[in-house]
Amino acid sequence: MIHPDTTVPPSDADFCITRTFNAPRALVFATMIGTEHLRHWWGPQGCRLEVVKHEPRPGGVFHYCMHFPGGFTMWGRFLYRDIAAPERIVFVNGFADAEGNAAPNPMSPDWPLEVLITTTLAEQDGKTVLTLLSQPINASDLERANFLAGHASMQGGFGGMYDQYALYLAALMQQQGA
């Protein structure tokens, strides 16, 4: 089920999702790049995130491991390209091994090895409108086709993650008395 604050454009090779959060843009930006915050919301619902390395700057890396119930683990990484506070975060996203090297998707080996993620944040009526654009890069035709076929799964995955992110933001704002 799609969250009512989420819109998704017609399917094409690129994936885009827009979500509105009831929080100021500065807080949304800070919680999207702050190591202490990412642990609480990045990843699928039900997983525990272990941050191995996090350097939120152009040229920096975010290397992490997601631990799932039952003992399954999955590694990932961001290679940050651009960070423009408080409006934009751009990084190359992909699966990784334990050392932080690029690795194929363990569940879909014909998934693009690299995906460019551009997240933009716009303030609107005291809320923040997040737009995430996800574009396969250096992908074969088969990888692009699999990426396109995975849009519904990504919609559900990002939707669930952003649901827990919205709860995290609400808890932070309550702590701050906002």
N, C-alpha and C. Protein backbone atom coordinates (compact mmCIF):
# COMPACT_ATOMS: atom_id res chain seq x y z
N MET A 1 0.84 -1.18 0.00
CA MET A 1 0.00 0.00 0.00
C MET A 1 0.89 1.25 0.00
N ILE A 2 0.54 2.22 -0.81
CA ILE A 2 1.30 3.46 -0.91
C ILE A 2 0.85 4.41 0.19
N HIS A 3 1.82 5.02 0.87
CA HIS A 3 1.52 6.01 1.90
C HIS A 3 0.84 7.20 1.22
N PRO A 4 -0.18 7.82 1.86
CA PRO A 4 -0.89 8.93 1.21
C PRO A 4 -0.03 10.15 0.90
N ASP A 5 1.11 10.31 1.56
CA ASP A 5 1.99 11.44 1.27
C ASP A 5 3.06 11.09 0.24
N THR A 6 2.90 9.97 -0.45
CA THR A 6 3.89 9.51 -1.41
C THR A 6 3.30 9.57 -2.81
N THR A 7 4.07 10.10 -3.76
CA THR A 7 3.65 10.06 -5.16
C THR A 7 4.76 9.41 -5.97
N VAL A 8 4.37 8.66 -6.97
CA VAL A 8 5.33 7.97 -7.83
C VAL A 8 4.93 8.27 -9.27
N PRO A 9 5.85 8.71 -10.12
CA PRO A 9 5.51 9.05 -11.50
C PRO A 9 5.29 7.78 -12.32
N PRO A 10 4.81 7.92 -13.55
CA PRO A 10 4.69 6.75 -14.41
C PRO A 10 6.04 6.05 -14.57
N SER A 11 6.01 4.75 -14.70
CA SER A 11 7.25 3.97 -14.78
C SER A 11 8.04 4.30 -16.03
N ASP A 12 9.34 4.44 -15.85
CA ASP A 12 10.31 4.50 -16.93
C ASP A 12 11.58 3.91 -16.35
N ALA A 13 12.69 4.00 -17.01
CA ALA A 13 13.92 3.36 -16.51
C ALA A 13 14.34 3.91 -15.16
N ASP A 14 14.17 5.21 -14.94
CA ASP A 14 14.54 5.81 -13.67
C ASP A 14 13.39 5.65 -12.68
N PHE A 15 13.74 5.64 -11.42
CA PHE A 15 12.74 5.51 -10.35
C PHE A 15 12.73 6.81 -9.56
N CYS A 16 11.54 7.31 -9.28
CA CYS A 16 11.41 8.55 -8.52
C CYS A 16 10.30 8.38 -7.50
N ILE A 17 10.56 8.87 -6.31
CA ILE A 17 9.53 8.85 -5.26
C ILE A 17 9.60 10.19 -4.53
N THR A 18 8.43 10.71 -4.21
CA THR A 18 8.34 11.98 -3.49
C THR A 18 7.54 11.73 -2.22
N ARG A 19 8.03 12.29 -1.14
CA ARG A 19 7.37 12.09 0.16
C ARG A 19 7.46 13.39 0.95
N THR A 20 6.39 13.74 1.64
CA THR A 20 6.35 14.95 2.46
C THR A 20 6.45 14.55 3.93
N PHE A 21 7.38 15.20 4.64
CA PHE A 21 7.59 14.93 6.06
C PHE A 21 7.21 16.17 6.87
N ASN A 22 6.58 15.94 8.00
CA ASN A 22 6.15 17.02 8.88
C ASN A 22 7.31 17.43 9.78
N ALA A 23 8.32 18.00 9.15
CA ALA A 23 9.54 18.44 9.87
C ALA A 23 10.23 19.50 9.02
N PRO A 24 10.96 20.41 9.67
CA PRO A 24 11.69 21.43 8.90
C PRO A 24 12.83 20.81 8.09
N ARG A 25 13.13 21.46 6.99
CA ARG A 25 14.15 20.96 6.07
C ARG A 25 15.51 20.77 6.74
N ALA A 26 15.91 21.68 7.61
CA ALA A 26 17.22 21.55 8.27
C ALA A 26 17.30 20.26 9.09
N LEU A 27 16.21 19.89 9.76
CA LEU A 27 16.21 18.65 10.54
C LEU A 27 16.23 17.44 9.63
N VAL A 28 15.45 17.48 8.57
CA VAL A 28 15.44 16.36 7.62
C VAL A 28 16.83 16.17 7.05
N PHE A 29 17.46 17.24 6.61
CA PHE A 29 18.81 17.13 6.05
C PHE A 29 19.78 16.54 7.08
N ALA A 30 19.76 17.07 8.30
CA ALA A 30 20.69 16.60 9.35
C ALA A 30 20.50 15.12 9.64
N THR A 31 19.27 14.66 9.62
CA THR A 31 19.02 13.25 9.94
C THR A 31 19.29 12.33 8.75
N MET A 32 19.45 12.92 7.57
CA MET A 32 19.79 12.10 6.40
C MET A 32 21.29 11.91 6.24
N ILE A 33 22.09 12.74 6.87
CA ILE A 33 23.55 12.56 6.74
C ILE A 33 24.24 12.29 8.08
N GLY A 34 23.52 12.41 9.17
CA GLY A 34 24.12 12.19 10.49
C GLY A 34 24.21 10.71 10.83
N THR A 35 25.41 10.24 11.11
CA THR A 35 25.63 8.82 11.43
C THR A 35 24.71 8.35 12.54
N GLU A 36 24.61 9.15 13.60
CA GLU A 36 23.79 8.75 14.75
C GLU A 36 22.31 8.63 14.38
N HIS A 37 21.89 9.29 13.31
CA HIS A 37 20.49 9.22 12.87
C HIS A 37 20.26 8.08 11.89
N LEU A 38 21.17 7.89 10.95
CA LEU A 38 20.99 6.84 9.94
C LEU A 38 20.75 5.48 10.56
N ARG A 39 21.39 5.21 11.67
CA ARG A 39 21.23 3.91 12.36
C ARG A 39 19.77 3.62 12.70
N HIS A 40 18.99 4.68 12.88
CA HIS A 40 17.61 4.52 13.36
C HIS A 40 16.59 4.33 12.24
N TRP A 41 16.95 4.63 11.00
CA TRP A 41 15.90 4.57 9.99
C TRP A 41 16.34 4.03 8.63
N TRP A 42 17.63 4.04 8.30
CA TRP A 42 18.03 3.61 6.96
C TRP A 42 17.90 2.09 6.84
N GLY A 43 17.26 1.64 5.81
CA GLY A 43 17.13 0.21 5.54
C GLY A 43 15.71 -0.29 5.69
N PRO A 44 15.49 -1.52 5.28
CA PRO A 44 14.15 -2.10 5.37
C PRO A 44 13.67 -2.23 6.82
N GLN A 45 12.37 -2.20 6.98
CA GLN A 45 11.80 -2.39 8.31
C GLN A 45 12.22 -3.76 8.83
N GLY A 46 12.55 -3.82 10.10
CA GLY A 46 12.91 -5.08 10.72
C GLY A 46 14.39 -5.39 10.72
N CYS A 47 15.19 -4.57 10.06
CA CYS A 47 16.63 -4.83 10.06
C CYS A 47 17.32 -3.92 11.07
N ARG A 48 18.48 -4.36 11.51
CA ARG A 48 19.33 -3.55 12.38
C ARG A 48 20.51 -3.09 11.53
N LEU A 49 20.77 -1.79 11.55
CA LEU A 49 21.84 -1.24 10.72
C LEU A 49 23.12 -1.08 11.52
N GLU A 50 24.19 -1.64 10.99
CA GLU A 50 25.53 -1.47 11.56
C GLU A 50 26.30 -0.54 10.63
N VAL A 51 26.74 0.60 11.14
CA VAL A 51 27.52 1.54 10.35
C VAL A 51 29.00 1.17 10.52
N VAL A 52 29.64 0.80 9.42
CA VAL A 52 31.06 0.44 9.44
C VAL A 52 31.91 1.69 9.27
N LYS A 53 31.52 2.53 8.32
CA LYS A 53 32.27 3.75 8.03
C LYS A 53 31.28 4.77 7.47
N HIS A 54 31.42 6.01 7.91
CA HIS A 54 30.55 7.05 7.37
C HIS A 54 31.31 8.36 7.30
N GLU A 55 31.46 8.85 6.09
CA GLU A 55 32.13 10.13 5.81
C GLU A 55 31.20 10.97 4.94
N PRO A 56 30.26 11.70 5.55
CA PRO A 56 29.29 12.47 4.77
C PRO A 56 29.88 13.74 4.17
N ARG A 57 30.61 13.54 3.07
CA ARG A 57 31.23 14.65 2.33
C ARG A 57 31.45 14.17 0.90
N PRO A 58 31.55 15.08 -0.07
CA PRO A 58 31.86 14.64 -1.42
C PRO A 58 33.16 13.82 -1.43
N GLY A 59 33.10 12.65 -2.05
CA GLY A 59 34.23 11.73 -2.05
C GLY A 59 34.23 10.77 -0.88
N GLY A 60 33.34 10.98 0.09
CA GLY A 60 33.26 10.12 1.26
C GLY A 60 32.42 8.88 0.99
N VAL A 61 32.43 7.98 1.95
CA VAL A 61 31.73 6.71 1.81
C VAL A 61 30.84 6.46 3.03
N PHE A 62 29.75 5.79 2.79
CA PHE A 62 28.90 5.25 3.86
C PHE A 62 28.86 3.75 3.61
N HIS A 63 29.55 2.98 4.44
CA HIS A 63 29.61 1.52 4.33
C HIS A 63 28.85 0.95 5.51
N TYR A 64 27.92 0.06 5.23
CA TYR A 64 27.04 -0.43 6.29
C TYR A 64 26.67 -1.89 6.06
N CYS A 65 26.16 -2.50 7.12
CA CYS A 65 25.65 -3.86 7.06
C CYS A 65 24.25 -3.87 7.65
N MET A 66 23.33 -4.49 6.94
CA MET A 66 21.97 -4.65 7.44
C MET A 66 21.84 -6.07 7.98
N HIS A 67 21.44 -6.18 9.24
CA HIS A 67 21.25 -7.48 9.90
C HIS A 67 19.75 -7.74 9.99
N PHE A 68 19.32 -8.87 9.43
CA PHE A 68 17.91 -9.22 9.41
C PHE A 68 17.62 -10.34 10.39
N PRO A 69 16.38 -10.45 10.85
CA PRO A 69 16.01 -11.57 11.71
C PRO A 69 16.35 -12.89 11.00
N GLY A 70 16.79 -13.86 11.75
CA GLY A 70 17.16 -15.15 11.17
C GLY A 70 18.62 -15.24 10.79
N GLY A 71 19.37 -14.13 10.95
CA GLY A 71 20.81 -14.17 10.71
C GLY A 71 21.27 -13.72 9.34
N PHE A 72 20.35 -13.40 8.42
CA PHE A 72 20.75 -12.93 7.09
C PHE A 72 21.35 -11.54 7.20
N THR A 73 22.46 -11.30 6.50
CA THR A 73 23.08 -9.97 6.46
C THR A 73 23.26 -9.53 5.01
N MET A 74 23.22 -8.23 4.80
CA MET A 74 23.43 -7.66 3.49
C MET A 74 24.24 -6.38 3.65
N TRP A 75 25.30 -6.25 2.86
CA TRP A 75 26.19 -5.10 2.92
C TRP A 75 25.82 -4.10 1.83
N GLY A 76 26.05 -2.82 2.11
CA GLY A 76 25.80 -1.78 1.13
C GLY A 76 26.77 -0.63 1.31
N ARG A 77 26.76 0.27 0.33
CA ARG A 77 27.62 1.45 0.44
C ARG A 77 27.06 2.58 -0.41
N PHE A 78 27.36 3.79 0.04
CA PHE A 78 27.15 5.01 -0.74
C PHE A 78 28.54 5.55 -1.03
N LEU A 79 28.71 6.10 -2.20
CA LEU A 79 29.89 6.91 -2.53
C LEU A 79 29.34 8.32 -2.78
N TYR A 80 29.54 9.20 -1.80
CA TYR A 80 28.97 10.54 -1.89
C TYR A 80 29.63 11.33 -3.02
N ARG A 81 28.79 11.96 -3.84
CA ARG A 81 29.28 12.82 -4.92
C ARG A 81 29.11 14.30 -4.59
N ASP A 82 27.96 14.64 -3.99
CA ASP A 82 27.66 16.04 -3.73
C ASP A 82 26.76 16.14 -2.50
N ILE A 83 27.07 17.08 -1.64
CA ILE A 83 26.22 17.37 -0.49
C ILE A 83 26.10 18.89 -0.43
N ALA A 84 24.89 19.39 -0.59
CA ALA A 84 24.63 20.83 -0.55
C ALA A 84 23.56 21.08 0.51
N ALA A 85 24.02 21.41 1.72
CA ALA A 85 23.09 21.62 2.85
C ALA A 85 22.24 22.86 2.60
N PRO A 86 20.98 22.80 2.92
CA PRO A 86 20.17 21.66 3.33
C PRO A 86 19.29 21.13 2.21
N GLU A 87 19.78 21.23 0.97
CA GLU A 87 18.86 20.96 -0.14
C GLU A 87 19.13 19.71 -0.98
N ARG A 88 20.33 19.16 -0.95
CA ARG A 88 20.62 18.07 -1.89
C ARG A 88 21.70 17.13 -1.36
N ILE A 89 21.48 15.84 -1.61
CA ILE A 89 22.47 14.80 -1.32
C ILE A 89 22.52 13.89 -2.55
N VAL A 90 23.72 13.72 -3.11
CA VAL A 90 23.88 12.89 -4.30
C VAL A 90 24.94 11.84 -4.00
N PHE A 91 24.61 10.58 -4.29
CA PHE A 91 25.58 9.51 -4.05
C PHE A 91 25.33 8.35 -5.00
N VAL A 92 26.36 7.54 -5.19
CA VAL A 92 26.24 6.29 -5.94
C VAL A 92 25.98 5.21 -4.91
N ASN A 93 24.89 4.50 -5.08
CA ASN A 93 24.46 3.48 -4.14
C ASN A 93 24.67 2.10 -4.76
N GLY A 94 24.96 1.14 -3.92
CA GLY A 94 25.08 -0.22 -4.40
C GLY A 94 25.31 -1.19 -3.27
N PHE A 95 25.25 -2.45 -3.61
CA PHE A 95 25.57 -3.49 -2.65
C PHE A 95 27.09 -3.56 -2.52
N ALA A 96 27.54 -4.15 -1.43
CA ALA A 96 28.98 -4.20 -1.16
C ALA A 96 29.32 -5.51 -0.47
N ASP A 97 30.61 -5.74 -0.33
CA ASP A 97 31.07 -6.85 0.50
C ASP A 97 31.50 -6.27 1.85
N ALA A 98 31.99 -7.13 2.73
CA ALA A 98 32.36 -6.70 4.08
C ALA A 98 33.50 -5.69 4.08
N GLU A 99 34.30 -5.67 3.02
CA GLU A 99 35.42 -4.72 2.93
C GLU A 99 35.02 -3.40 2.29
N GLY A 100 33.78 -3.30 1.80
CA GLY A 100 33.31 -2.06 1.19
C GLY A 100 33.48 -1.99 -0.31
N ASN A 101 33.86 -3.11 -0.93
CA ASN A 101 33.98 -3.15 -2.39
C ASN A 101 32.61 -3.38 -3.01
N ALA A 102 32.40 -2.85 -4.21
CA ALA A 102 31.14 -3.08 -4.92
C ALA A 102 30.93 -4.58 -5.10
N ALA A 103 29.68 -5.01 -4.94
CA ALA A 103 29.33 -6.42 -5.07
C ALA A 103 27.95 -6.53 -5.72
N PRO A 104 27.69 -7.63 -6.40
CA PRO A 104 26.36 -7.81 -7.00
C PRO A 104 25.27 -7.92 -5.93
N ASN A 105 24.07 -7.58 -6.32
CA ASN A 105 22.90 -7.75 -5.46
C ASN A 105 22.78 -9.24 -5.13
N PRO A 106 22.81 -9.62 -3.85
CA PRO A 106 22.78 -11.04 -3.50
C PRO A 106 21.48 -11.74 -3.88
N MET A 107 20.42 -10.98 -4.11
CA MET A 107 19.14 -11.58 -4.46
C MET A 107 18.82 -11.45 -5.94
N SER A 108 19.59 -10.64 -6.66
CA SER A 108 19.33 -10.42 -8.08
C SER A 108 20.65 -10.03 -8.76
N PRO A 109 21.43 -11.02 -9.19
CA PRO A 109 22.76 -10.72 -9.74
C PRO A 109 22.73 -9.85 -11.01
N ASP A 110 21.58 -9.76 -11.66
CA ASP A 110 21.46 -8.91 -12.85
C ASP A 110 20.88 -7.54 -12.53
N TRP A 111 21.08 -7.10 -11.30
CA TRP A 111 20.69 -5.76 -10.86
C TRP A 111 21.87 -4.83 -11.16
N PRO A 112 21.65 -3.56 -11.49
CA PRO A 112 22.78 -2.65 -11.73
C PRO A 112 23.73 -2.60 -10.53
N LEU A 113 25.00 -2.65 -10.81
CA LEU A 113 26.02 -2.59 -9.76
C LEU A 113 26.04 -1.21 -9.10
N GLU A 114 25.74 -0.17 -9.89
CA GLU A 114 25.75 1.20 -9.38
C GLU A 114 24.45 1.91 -9.74
N VAL A 115 23.92 2.64 -8.76
CA VAL A 115 22.70 3.42 -8.96
C VAL A 115 22.95 4.82 -8.41
N LEU A 116 22.75 5.82 -9.24
CA LEU A 116 22.92 7.21 -8.80
C LEU A 116 21.64 7.66 -8.10
N ILE A 117 21.79 8.11 -6.86
CA ILE A 117 20.66 8.59 -6.07
C ILE A 117 20.82 10.09 -5.86
N THR A 118 19.81 10.84 -6.27
CA THR A 118 19.77 12.28 -6.03
C THR A 118 18.56 12.56 -5.15
N THR A 119 18.83 13.04 -3.95
CA THR A 119 17.76 13.39 -3.01
C THR A 119 17.72 14.90 -2.89
N THR A 120 16.57 15.48 -3.17
CA THR A 120 16.40 16.93 -3.00
C THR A 120 15.35 17.18 -1.93
N LEU A 121 15.56 18.25 -1.19
CA LEU A 121 14.67 18.62 -0.09
C LEU A 121 14.18 20.04 -0.32
N ALA A 122 12.87 20.23 -0.28
CA ALA A 122 12.27 21.55 -0.45
C ALA A 122 11.33 21.81 0.72
N GLU A 123 11.43 23.01 1.29
CA GLU A 123 10.53 23.37 2.40
C GLU A 123 9.24 23.91 1.81
N GLN A 124 8.13 23.44 2.37
CA GLN A 124 6.82 23.88 1.89
C GLN A 124 5.85 23.90 3.07
N ASP A 125 5.41 25.08 3.44
CA ASP A 125 4.45 25.24 4.54
C ASP A 125 4.93 24.58 5.84
N GLY A 126 6.21 24.73 6.15
CA GLY A 126 6.77 24.19 7.39
C GLY A 126 7.07 22.70 7.34
N LYS A 127 6.80 22.09 6.21
CA LYS A 127 7.09 20.66 6.02
C LYS A 127 8.21 20.54 5.01
N THR A 128 8.73 19.33 4.85
CA THR A 128 9.79 19.10 3.88
C THR A 128 9.33 18.10 2.83
N VAL A 129 9.46 18.51 1.58
CA VAL A 129 9.14 17.62 0.46
C VAL A 129 10.45 17.01 -0.02
N LEU A 130 10.56 15.70 0.12
CA LEU A 130 11.73 14.95 -0.30
C LEU A 130 11.43 14.32 -1.66
N THR A 131 12.34 14.50 -2.60
CA THR A 131 12.24 13.82 -3.88
C THR A 131 13.50 13.01 -4.08
N LEU A 132 13.34 11.71 -4.28
CA LEU A 132 14.46 10.81 -4.51
C LEU A 132 14.38 10.32 -5.95
N LEU A 133 15.44 10.57 -6.71
CA LEU A 133 15.56 10.09 -8.08
C LEU A 133 16.66 9.05 -8.10
N SER A 134 16.34 7.87 -8.60
CA SER A 134 17.27 6.74 -8.62
C SER A 134 17.48 6.33 -10.08
N GLN A 135 18.76 6.37 -10.53
CA GLN A 135 19.08 6.12 -11.93
C GLN A 135 20.22 5.11 -12.04
N PRO A 136 19.98 3.99 -12.73
CA PRO A 136 21.08 3.04 -12.92
C PRO A 136 22.16 3.68 -13.78
N ILE A 137 23.43 3.46 -13.41
CA ILE A 137 24.54 3.99 -14.20
C ILE A 137 25.44 2.83 -14.60
N ASN A 138 26.06 2.98 -15.75
CA ASN A 138 26.95 1.95 -16.29
C ASN A 138 26.28 0.58 -16.31
N ALA A 139 24.97 0.56 -16.58
CA ALA A 139 24.19 -0.68 -16.54
C ALA A 139 23.99 -1.26 -17.94
N SER A 140 23.96 -2.57 -18.00
CA SER A 140 23.65 -3.26 -19.25
C SER A 140 22.15 -3.15 -19.51
N ASP A 141 21.73 -3.53 -20.71
CA ASP A 141 20.30 -3.51 -21.03
C ASP A 141 19.53 -4.43 -20.08
N LEU A 142 20.09 -5.60 -19.78
CA LEU A 142 19.45 -6.54 -18.87
C LEU A 142 19.33 -5.94 -17.47
N GLU A 143 20.38 -5.28 -17.00
CA GLU A 143 20.34 -4.66 -15.67
C GLU A 143 19.31 -3.54 -15.62
N ARG A 144 19.24 -2.74 -16.69
CA ARG A 144 18.23 -1.67 -16.74
C ARG A 144 16.82 -2.25 -16.75
N ALA A 145 16.63 -3.34 -17.48
CA ALA A 145 15.31 -3.99 -17.52
C ALA A 145 14.93 -4.53 -16.14
N ASN A 146 15.89 -5.11 -15.44
CA ASN A 146 15.62 -5.61 -14.08
C ASN A 146 15.32 -4.46 -13.13
N PHE A 147 16.03 -3.35 -13.30
CA PHE A 147 15.78 -2.16 -12.48
C PHE A 147 14.35 -1.68 -12.70
N LEU A 148 13.93 -1.61 -13.95
CA LEU A 148 12.57 -1.19 -14.28
C LEU A 148 11.56 -2.16 -13.68
N ALA A 149 11.83 -3.46 -13.79
CA ALA A 149 10.93 -4.47 -13.24
C ALA A 149 10.87 -4.40 -11.71
N GLY A 150 11.88 -3.82 -11.10
CA GLY A 150 11.93 -3.72 -9.64
C GLY A 150 11.29 -2.47 -9.07
N HIS A 151 10.68 -1.64 -9.90
CA HIS A 151 10.09 -0.39 -9.40
C HIS A 151 9.07 -0.63 -8.29
N ALA A 152 8.18 -1.60 -8.45
CA ALA A 152 7.16 -1.84 -7.42
C ALA A 152 7.82 -2.25 -6.10
N SER A 153 8.85 -3.08 -6.19
CA SER A 153 9.57 -3.50 -4.99
C SER A 153 10.26 -2.31 -4.33
N MET A 154 10.89 -1.45 -5.15
CA MET A 154 11.55 -0.25 -4.60
C MET A 154 10.53 0.69 -3.97
N GLN A 155 9.38 0.81 -4.60
CA GLN A 155 8.32 1.66 -4.05
C GLN A 155 7.94 1.16 -2.66
N GLY A 156 7.76 -0.14 -2.52
CA GLY A 156 7.44 -0.70 -1.21
C GLY A 156 8.57 -0.55 -0.22
N GLY A 157 9.80 -0.79 -0.67
CA GLY A 157 10.96 -0.70 0.21
C GLY A 157 11.21 0.71 0.70
N PHE A 158 11.25 1.66 -0.23
CA PHE A 158 11.44 3.06 0.19
C PHE A 158 10.25 3.55 1.00
N GLY A 159 9.04 3.13 0.60
CA GLY A 159 7.84 3.53 1.35
C GLY A 159 7.90 3.08 2.79
N GLY A 160 8.27 1.82 3.01
CA GLY A 160 8.39 1.30 4.38
C GLY A 160 9.49 2.00 5.16
N MET A 161 10.62 2.23 4.48
CA MET A 161 11.73 2.91 5.15
C MET A 161 11.32 4.34 5.52
N TYR A 162 10.64 5.03 4.61
CA TYR A 162 10.23 6.40 4.90
C TYR A 162 9.12 6.44 5.96
N ASP A 163 8.33 5.37 6.09
CA ASP A 163 7.36 5.31 7.19
C ASP A 163 8.10 5.32 8.52
N GLN A 164 9.14 4.47 8.64
CA GLN A 164 9.88 4.45 9.91
C GLN A 164 10.68 5.74 10.09
N TYR A 165 11.12 6.36 9.00
CA TYR A 165 11.81 7.64 9.08
C TYR A 165 10.87 8.73 9.61
N ALA A 166 9.62 8.74 9.13
CA ALA A 166 8.63 9.72 9.61
C ALA A 166 8.40 9.58 11.11
N LEU A 167 8.34 8.35 11.59
CA LEU A 167 8.18 8.11 13.03
C LEU A 167 9.40 8.60 13.80
N TYR A 168 10.58 8.36 13.24
CA TYR A 168 11.82 8.81 13.87
C TYR A 168 11.85 10.34 13.95
N LEU A 169 11.49 11.01 12.85
CA LEU A 169 11.45 12.47 12.85
C LEU A 169 10.45 12.99 13.89
N ALA A 170 9.28 12.36 13.96
CA ALA A 170 8.26 12.80 14.92
C ALA A 170 8.78 12.66 16.35
N ALA A 171 9.48 11.56 16.64
CA ALA A 171 10.04 11.37 17.98
C ALA A 171 11.10 12.42 18.29
N LEU A 172 11.95 12.73 17.31
CA LEU A 172 12.97 13.77 17.51
C LEU A 172 12.32 15.12 17.78
N MET A 173 11.31 15.44 17.00
CA MET A 173 10.64 16.74 17.17
C MET A 173 9.95 16.82 18.53
N GLN A 174 9.40 15.70 18.99
CA GLN A 174 8.77 15.68 20.31
C GLN A 174 9.82 15.89 21.40
N GLN A 175 10.99 15.27 21.24
CA GLN A 175 12.08 15.46 22.21
C GLN A 175 12.54 16.91 22.25
N GLN A 176 12.50 17.56 21.08
CA GLN A 176 12.95 18.95 20.99
C GLN A 176 11.84 19.93 21.38
N GLY A 177 10.65 19.40 21.66
CA GLY A 177 9.54 20.26 22.05
C GLY A 177 8.91 21.01 20.91
N ALA A 178 9.11 20.52 19.69
CA ALA A 178 8.55 21.21 18.52
C ALA A 178 7.12 20.79 18.27
